[in-house]
Amino acid sequence: CLTNILREHYDPIIGKVQNDYMLKKFQSVPSITKQLQDGYIYYLFIEDNNPIGFMGLIRKENYLYISKLYLDKAFRGQGKSKLALKLIIQIAKDNGLNRLELNVNKHNTDSIKAYEHLGFKRIRAEENDIGHGFIMDDYVYEYNIF
């Protein structure tokens, strides 16, 4: 189910071949296990006993990095991202942090609109080589907690 969220969302943006590679590299059981060992925390969003999304966070030097934040298409536009952001802000505050940061693909226009609507500001563009000839072509956004 959660893989379907990523397929539905990213296949049209980056193509099935790159998405297959990224799912294996970043969302496989061994990859998530390693991320958890490295300090990531994952949250699964459940509604009516069904998973509807997930997020992954990690503390960086002076900010909380939102590595993953995905909702099933059927549950977007219902204020669930705002609820997730409230939780993320509380986690940041509990860890003495006052800034959030995330990456979003430059062609992911729906997510860009959603992040900007939530108050995130674009701070830079970056390209990250993820191997096998694939590049993550992203904008970096931040959210300042006051």
N, C-alpha and C. Protein backbone atom coordinates (compact mmCIF):
# COMPACT_ATOMS: atom_id res chain seq x y z
N CYS A 1 0.82 -1.20 0.00
CA CYS A 1 0.00 0.00 0.00
C CYS A 1 0.86 1.26 0.00
N LEU A 2 1.86 1.32 0.89
CA LEU A 2 2.69 2.52 0.96
C LEU A 2 3.56 2.67 -0.27
N THR A 3 3.99 1.54 -0.84
CA THR A 3 4.74 1.60 -2.09
C THR A 3 3.87 2.17 -3.19
N ASN A 4 2.57 1.85 -3.16
CA ASN A 4 1.65 2.38 -4.16
C ASN A 4 1.57 3.90 -4.10
N ILE A 5 1.66 4.48 -2.90
CA ILE A 5 1.66 5.94 -2.76
C ILE A 5 2.84 6.52 -3.53
N LEU A 6 4.01 5.92 -3.36
CA LEU A 6 5.21 6.43 -4.02
C LEU A 6 5.16 6.19 -5.52
N ARG A 7 4.64 5.06 -5.94
CA ARG A 7 4.51 4.78 -7.38
C ARG A 7 3.55 5.77 -8.04
N GLU A 8 2.38 5.93 -7.43
CA GLU A 8 1.37 6.83 -7.99
C GLU A 8 1.90 8.26 -8.06
N HIS A 9 2.67 8.63 -7.08
CA HIS A 9 3.15 10.00 -7.00
C HIS A 9 4.35 10.26 -7.92
N TYR A 10 5.32 9.35 -7.90
CA TYR A 10 6.60 9.63 -8.58
C TYR A 10 6.79 9.03 -9.95
N ASP A 11 6.10 7.95 -10.30
CA ASP A 11 6.27 7.39 -11.64
C ASP A 11 6.05 8.46 -12.72
N PRO A 12 4.99 9.29 -12.61
CA PRO A 12 4.79 10.31 -13.65
C PRO A 12 5.85 11.42 -13.64
N ILE A 13 6.50 11.64 -12.51
CA ILE A 13 7.46 12.74 -12.39
C ILE A 13 8.86 12.31 -12.82
N ILE A 14 9.32 11.17 -12.32
CA ILE A 14 10.71 10.75 -12.59
C ILE A 14 10.80 9.50 -13.45
N GLY A 15 9.68 8.86 -13.69
CA GLY A 15 9.66 7.64 -14.49
C GLY A 15 9.77 6.40 -13.62
N LYS A 16 9.22 5.31 -14.13
CA LYS A 16 9.18 4.05 -13.39
C LYS A 16 10.57 3.49 -13.09
N VAL A 17 11.50 3.60 -14.04
CA VAL A 17 12.83 3.02 -13.85
C VAL A 17 13.55 3.69 -12.68
N GLN A 18 13.58 5.03 -12.66
CA GLN A 18 14.24 5.72 -11.55
C GLN A 18 13.48 5.49 -10.25
N ASN A 19 12.16 5.49 -10.30
CA ASN A 19 11.39 5.27 -9.08
C ASN A 19 11.64 3.87 -8.53
N ASP A 20 11.72 2.85 -9.39
CA ASP A 20 12.06 1.50 -8.94
C ASP A 20 13.40 1.50 -8.20
N TYR A 21 14.38 2.17 -8.79
CA TYR A 21 15.71 2.25 -8.18
C TYR A 21 15.63 2.95 -6.82
N MET A 22 14.91 4.07 -6.76
CA MET A 22 14.83 4.82 -5.52
C MET A 22 14.06 4.05 -4.44
N LEU A 23 13.03 3.34 -4.83
CA LEU A 23 12.30 2.53 -3.85
C LEU A 23 13.22 1.48 -3.23
N LYS A 24 14.01 0.83 -4.06
CA LYS A 24 14.94 -0.17 -3.54
C LYS A 24 16.02 0.48 -2.67
N LYS A 25 16.55 1.61 -3.14
CA LYS A 25 17.65 2.28 -2.43
C LYS A 25 17.21 2.91 -1.11
N PHE A 26 16.01 3.51 -1.08
CA PHE A 26 15.60 4.29 0.08
C PHE A 26 14.44 3.71 0.88
N GLN A 27 13.63 2.84 0.28
CA GLN A 27 12.42 2.37 0.95
C GLN A 27 12.36 0.87 1.15
N SER A 28 13.43 0.15 0.89
CA SER A 28 13.44 -1.29 1.13
C SER A 28 13.60 -1.56 2.63
N VAL A 29 13.29 -2.76 3.04
CA VAL A 29 13.44 -3.12 4.46
C VAL A 29 14.88 -2.91 4.93
N PRO A 30 15.90 -3.38 4.19
CA PRO A 30 17.27 -3.14 4.66
C PRO A 30 17.61 -1.64 4.75
N SER A 31 17.11 -0.85 3.79
CA SER A 31 17.39 0.58 3.80
C SER A 31 16.72 1.27 4.99
N ILE A 32 15.46 0.96 5.23
CA ILE A 32 14.76 1.58 6.37
C ILE A 32 15.37 1.11 7.68
N THR A 33 15.76 -0.16 7.77
CA THR A 33 16.43 -0.67 8.97
C THR A 33 17.69 0.13 9.25
N LYS A 34 18.49 0.37 8.22
CA LYS A 34 19.73 1.16 8.37
C LYS A 34 19.40 2.60 8.77
N GLN A 35 18.37 3.18 8.15
CA GLN A 35 17.98 4.54 8.51
C GLN A 35 17.59 4.63 9.99
N LEU A 36 16.84 3.65 10.46
CA LEU A 36 16.45 3.64 11.87
C LEU A 36 17.67 3.54 12.78
N GLN A 37 18.64 2.72 12.39
CA GLN A 37 19.88 2.59 13.16
C GLN A 37 20.66 3.90 13.16
N ASP A 38 20.52 4.68 12.09
CA ASP A 38 21.23 5.95 11.96
C ASP A 38 20.49 7.12 12.61
N GLY A 39 19.34 6.87 13.23
CA GLY A 39 18.64 7.92 13.95
C GLY A 39 17.36 8.43 13.33
N TYR A 40 16.96 7.90 12.19
CA TYR A 40 15.68 8.30 11.61
C TYR A 40 14.55 7.83 12.51
N ILE A 41 13.47 8.59 12.50
CA ILE A 41 12.24 8.14 13.13
C ILE A 41 11.15 8.14 12.06
N TYR A 42 10.37 7.10 12.05
CA TYR A 42 9.30 6.93 11.07
C TYR A 42 7.95 6.97 11.78
N TYR A 43 6.98 7.54 11.12
CA TYR A 43 5.61 7.55 11.60
C TYR A 43 4.72 7.01 10.48
N LEU A 44 3.81 6.16 10.85
CA LEU A 44 2.83 5.62 9.91
C LEU A 44 1.49 6.28 10.23
N PHE A 45 0.85 6.83 9.20
CA PHE A 45 -0.46 7.45 9.38
C PHE A 45 -1.53 6.40 9.12
N ILE A 46 -2.42 6.23 10.10
CA ILE A 46 -3.46 5.20 10.04
C ILE A 46 -4.83 5.87 10.15
N GLU A 47 -5.76 5.45 9.31
CA GLU A 47 -7.14 5.89 9.44
C GLU A 47 -8.03 4.68 9.21
N ASP A 48 -8.96 4.45 10.13
CA ASP A 48 -9.84 3.28 10.06
C ASP A 48 -9.04 1.99 9.89
N ASN A 49 -7.96 1.86 10.65
CA ASN A 49 -7.09 0.69 10.64
C ASN A 49 -6.37 0.45 9.32
N ASN A 50 -6.33 1.46 8.45
CA ASN A 50 -5.62 1.34 7.17
C ASN A 50 -4.51 2.37 7.08
N PRO A 51 -3.33 1.95 6.60
CA PRO A 51 -2.25 2.93 6.43
C PRO A 51 -2.60 3.88 5.28
N ILE A 52 -2.47 5.18 5.55
CA ILE A 52 -2.79 6.18 4.53
C ILE A 52 -1.59 7.06 4.18
N GLY A 53 -0.47 6.85 4.87
CA GLY A 53 0.71 7.64 4.59
C GLY A 53 1.79 7.38 5.62
N PHE A 54 2.90 8.08 5.43
CA PHE A 54 4.01 7.93 6.37
C PHE A 54 4.95 9.11 6.26
N MET A 55 5.81 9.25 7.27
CA MET A 55 6.86 10.26 7.23
C MET A 55 8.09 9.72 7.93
N GLY A 56 9.23 10.25 7.51
CA GLY A 56 10.51 9.91 8.11
C GLY A 56 11.26 11.20 8.43
N LEU A 57 11.79 11.27 9.64
CA LEU A 57 12.48 12.48 10.10
C LEU A 57 13.85 12.10 10.65
N ILE A 58 14.77 13.06 10.57
CA ILE A 58 16.06 12.88 11.23
C ILE A 58 16.59 14.24 11.68
N ARG A 59 17.19 14.23 12.85
CA ARG A 59 17.81 15.45 13.36
C ARG A 59 19.13 15.66 12.64
N LYS A 60 19.31 16.87 12.13
CA LYS A 60 20.59 17.29 11.56
C LYS A 60 21.24 18.21 12.59
N GLU A 61 22.34 18.86 12.23
CA GLU A 61 23.07 19.69 13.21
C GLU A 61 22.17 20.66 13.96
N ASN A 62 21.45 21.51 13.23
CA ASN A 62 20.65 22.52 13.91
C ASN A 62 19.22 22.62 13.36
N TYR A 63 18.74 21.53 12.77
CA TYR A 63 17.37 21.51 12.25
C TYR A 63 16.87 20.07 12.17
N LEU A 64 15.56 19.95 12.00
CA LEU A 64 14.94 18.65 11.81
C LEU A 64 14.67 18.50 10.32
N TYR A 65 15.18 17.42 9.75
CA TYR A 65 15.04 17.17 8.32
C TYR A 65 13.87 16.23 8.07
N ILE A 66 12.95 16.66 7.21
CA ILE A 66 11.82 15.84 6.82
C ILE A 66 12.25 15.07 5.58
N SER A 67 12.62 13.83 5.78
CA SER A 67 13.12 13.00 4.69
C SER A 67 11.98 12.48 3.82
N LYS A 68 10.86 12.18 4.45
CA LYS A 68 9.71 11.61 3.75
C LYS A 68 8.44 12.14 4.38
N LEU A 69 7.49 12.51 3.54
CA LEU A 69 6.16 12.90 4.01
C LEU A 69 5.20 12.62 2.86
N TYR A 70 4.48 11.50 2.97
CA TYR A 70 3.62 11.04 1.89
C TYR A 70 2.25 10.66 2.40
N LEU A 71 1.23 11.07 1.65
CA LEU A 71 -0.15 10.71 1.93
C LEU A 71 -0.76 10.08 0.70
N ASP A 72 -1.59 9.08 0.92
CA ASP A 72 -2.36 8.49 -0.16
C ASP A 72 -3.19 9.59 -0.82
N LYS A 73 -3.29 9.52 -2.13
CA LYS A 73 -3.99 10.55 -2.90
C LYS A 73 -5.40 10.82 -2.38
N ALA A 74 -6.10 9.78 -1.96
CA ALA A 74 -7.48 9.91 -1.49
C ALA A 74 -7.59 10.74 -0.21
N PHE A 75 -6.48 10.96 0.49
CA PHE A 75 -6.52 11.66 1.77
C PHE A 75 -5.87 13.03 1.73
N ARG A 76 -5.46 13.47 0.55
CA ARG A 76 -4.86 14.80 0.41
C ARG A 76 -5.95 15.85 0.40
N GLY A 77 -5.58 17.06 0.81
CA GLY A 77 -6.54 18.16 0.80
C GLY A 77 -7.54 18.11 1.94
N GLN A 78 -7.25 17.34 2.97
CA GLN A 78 -8.16 17.20 4.11
C GLN A 78 -7.56 17.73 5.41
N GLY A 79 -6.44 18.44 5.30
CA GLY A 79 -5.82 19.00 6.50
C GLY A 79 -4.88 18.05 7.21
N LYS A 80 -4.64 16.88 6.65
CA LYS A 80 -3.76 15.91 7.31
C LYS A 80 -2.30 16.36 7.29
N SER A 81 -1.90 17.08 6.25
CA SER A 81 -0.53 17.60 6.20
C SER A 81 -0.31 18.64 7.30
N LYS A 82 -1.35 19.43 7.58
CA LYS A 82 -1.26 20.41 8.68
C LYS A 82 -1.08 19.69 10.01
N LEU A 83 -1.81 18.60 10.20
CA LEU A 83 -1.66 17.82 11.43
C LEU A 83 -0.25 17.23 11.53
N ALA A 84 0.25 16.73 10.41
CA ALA A 84 1.61 16.18 10.40
C ALA A 84 2.61 17.27 10.73
N LEU A 85 2.42 18.47 10.15
CA LEU A 85 3.34 19.57 10.43
C LEU A 85 3.32 19.95 11.91
N LYS A 86 2.14 19.95 12.53
CA LYS A 86 2.07 20.24 13.97
C LYS A 86 2.90 19.23 14.77
N LEU A 87 2.80 17.96 14.41
CA LEU A 87 3.59 16.93 15.08
C LEU A 87 5.08 17.16 14.84
N ILE A 88 5.45 17.46 13.61
CA ILE A 88 6.87 17.69 13.27
C ILE A 88 7.41 18.88 14.05
N ILE A 89 6.64 19.96 14.12
CA ILE A 89 7.06 21.15 14.87
C ILE A 89 7.27 20.79 16.34
N GLN A 90 6.35 20.02 16.92
CA GLN A 90 6.49 19.63 18.33
C GLN A 90 7.74 18.78 18.54
N ILE A 91 8.01 17.88 17.62
CA ILE A 91 9.23 17.05 17.72
C ILE A 91 10.46 17.93 17.65
N ALA A 92 10.46 18.89 16.75
CA ALA A 92 11.59 19.82 16.64
C ALA A 92 11.78 20.59 17.94
N LYS A 93 10.70 21.16 18.46
CA LYS A 93 10.77 21.92 19.71
C LYS A 93 11.28 21.05 20.86
N ASP A 94 10.78 19.81 20.93
CA ASP A 94 11.20 18.89 21.99
C ASP A 94 12.69 18.59 21.91
N ASN A 95 13.26 18.76 20.73
CA ASN A 95 14.69 18.53 20.53
C ASN A 95 15.51 19.82 20.48
N GLY A 96 14.89 20.94 20.89
CA GLY A 96 15.58 22.22 20.95
C GLY A 96 15.90 22.81 19.58
N LEU A 97 15.12 22.44 18.58
CA LEU A 97 15.36 22.92 17.21
C LEU A 97 14.26 23.90 16.81
N ASN A 98 14.63 24.89 16.00
CA ASN A 98 13.64 25.88 15.58
C ASN A 98 13.53 26.00 14.06
N ARG A 99 14.02 24.97 13.35
CA ARG A 99 13.95 25.02 11.89
C ARG A 99 13.73 23.63 11.33
N LEU A 100 12.93 23.55 10.27
CA LEU A 100 12.69 22.33 9.53
C LEU A 100 13.26 22.50 8.13
N GLU A 101 13.66 21.40 7.52
CA GLU A 101 14.15 21.46 6.15
C GLU A 101 13.69 20.21 5.42
N LEU A 102 13.47 20.34 4.11
CA LEU A 102 13.10 19.19 3.28
C LEU A 102 13.53 19.44 1.85
N ASN A 103 13.61 18.37 1.09
CA ASN A 103 13.88 18.43 -0.35
C ASN A 103 12.60 18.02 -1.07
N VAL A 104 12.37 18.65 -2.23
CA VAL A 104 11.23 18.29 -3.07
C VAL A 104 11.68 18.37 -4.53
N ASN A 105 11.29 17.37 -5.31
CA ASN A 105 11.64 17.35 -6.73
C ASN A 105 11.11 18.61 -7.40
N LYS A 106 11.93 19.22 -8.25
CA LYS A 106 11.56 20.48 -8.92
C LYS A 106 10.29 20.36 -9.75
N HIS A 107 9.95 19.16 -10.20
CA HIS A 107 8.77 18.97 -11.03
C HIS A 107 7.56 18.46 -10.25
N ASN A 108 7.70 18.38 -8.94
CA ASN A 108 6.64 17.90 -8.06
C ASN A 108 5.76 19.09 -7.66
N THR A 109 5.04 19.63 -8.63
CA THR A 109 4.33 20.89 -8.44
C THR A 109 3.24 20.81 -7.36
N ASP A 110 2.55 19.69 -7.26
CA ASP A 110 1.51 19.58 -6.24
C ASP A 110 2.10 19.66 -4.83
N SER A 111 3.20 18.95 -4.60
CA SER A 111 3.84 18.99 -3.28
C SER A 111 4.44 20.36 -3.01
N ILE A 112 5.02 20.98 -4.02
CA ILE A 112 5.57 22.33 -3.84
C ILE A 112 4.47 23.29 -3.39
N LYS A 113 3.32 23.23 -4.05
CA LYS A 113 2.18 24.09 -3.66
C LYS A 113 1.76 23.80 -2.23
N ALA A 114 1.70 22.52 -1.88
CA ALA A 114 1.29 22.16 -0.52
C ALA A 114 2.28 22.67 0.52
N TYR A 115 3.58 22.48 0.28
CA TYR A 115 4.59 22.96 1.24
C TYR A 115 4.55 24.48 1.36
N GLU A 116 4.42 25.18 0.24
CA GLU A 116 4.37 26.64 0.29
C GLU A 116 3.10 27.09 1.02
N HIS A 117 2.00 26.39 0.81
CA HIS A 117 0.75 26.71 1.52
C HIS A 117 0.91 26.53 3.04
N LEU A 118 1.72 25.55 3.43
CA LEU A 118 1.97 25.30 4.85
C LEU A 118 2.96 26.29 5.45
N GLY A 119 3.62 27.10 4.60
CA GLY A 119 4.54 28.12 5.12
C GLY A 119 6.01 27.85 4.88
N PHE A 120 6.34 26.81 4.13
CA PHE A 120 7.74 26.54 3.80
C PHE A 120 8.21 27.53 2.75
N LYS A 121 9.49 27.91 2.83
CA LYS A 121 10.11 28.84 1.88
C LYS A 121 11.27 28.16 1.16
N ARG A 122 11.33 28.36 -0.14
CA ARG A 122 12.41 27.79 -0.95
C ARG A 122 13.70 28.55 -0.63
N ILE A 123 14.78 27.78 -0.33
CA ILE A 123 16.05 28.43 0.00
C ILE A 123 17.15 28.14 -1.03
N ARG A 124 17.01 27.07 -1.82
CA ARG A 124 18.02 26.79 -2.83
C ARG A 124 17.58 25.62 -3.71
N ALA A 125 18.31 25.44 -4.79
CA ALA A 125 18.15 24.28 -5.65
C ALA A 125 19.40 23.43 -5.51
N GLU A 126 19.25 22.11 -5.66
CA GLU A 126 20.42 21.25 -5.60
C GLU A 126 20.17 19.98 -6.40
N GLU A 127 21.26 19.42 -6.89
CA GLU A 127 21.22 18.14 -7.58
C GLU A 127 22.07 17.16 -6.79
N ASN A 128 21.52 15.98 -6.54
CA ASN A 128 22.23 14.95 -5.79
C ASN A 128 22.31 13.68 -6.62
N ASP A 129 23.52 13.23 -6.87
CA ASP A 129 23.75 11.99 -7.60
C ASP A 129 23.44 10.83 -6.65
N ILE A 130 22.49 9.98 -7.05
CA ILE A 130 22.10 8.86 -6.18
C ILE A 130 22.55 7.52 -6.76
N GLY A 131 23.40 7.58 -7.76
CA GLY A 131 23.95 6.36 -8.33
C GLY A 131 23.20 5.86 -9.55
N HIS A 132 23.84 4.96 -10.28
CA HIS A 132 23.28 4.33 -11.48
C HIS A 132 22.80 5.34 -12.52
N GLY A 133 23.46 6.51 -12.55
CA GLY A 133 23.13 7.54 -13.53
C GLY A 133 21.91 8.38 -13.18
N PHE A 134 21.38 8.23 -11.99
CA PHE A 134 20.19 8.99 -11.58
C PHE A 134 20.57 10.18 -10.72
N ILE A 135 19.84 11.26 -10.91
CA ILE A 135 20.04 12.51 -10.16
C ILE A 135 18.72 12.87 -9.49
N MET A 136 18.81 13.32 -8.26
CA MET A 136 17.64 13.93 -7.61
C MET A 136 17.78 15.43 -7.84
N ASP A 137 16.88 15.99 -8.63
CA ASP A 137 16.89 17.40 -9.03
C ASP A 137 15.85 18.12 -8.18
N ASP A 138 16.30 18.72 -7.09
CA ASP A 138 15.40 19.19 -6.04
C ASP A 138 15.51 20.68 -5.75
N TYR A 139 14.45 21.16 -5.10
CA TYR A 139 14.50 22.41 -4.36
C TYR A 139 14.60 22.03 -2.89
N VAL A 140 15.26 22.89 -2.12
CA VAL A 140 15.32 22.71 -0.68
C VAL A 140 14.44 23.80 -0.07
N TYR A 141 13.57 23.37 0.83
CA TYR A 141 12.65 24.28 1.52
C TYR A 141 12.94 24.26 3.01
N GLU A 142 12.66 25.39 3.66
CA GLU A 142 12.79 25.45 5.11
C GLU A 142 11.53 26.06 5.71
N TYR A 143 11.36 25.74 6.98
CA TYR A 143 10.26 26.27 7.76
C TYR A 143 10.86 26.71 9.09
N ASN A 144 10.71 27.99 9.39
CA ASN A 144 11.25 28.52 10.65
C ASN A 144 10.16 28.50 11.71
N ILE A 145 10.49 27.93 12.84
CA ILE A 145 9.58 27.85 13.98
C ILE A 145 9.89 29.02 14.91
N PHE A 146 8.91 29.82 15.18
CA PHE A 146 9.14 31.00 16.03
C PHE A 146 8.57 30.82 17.41
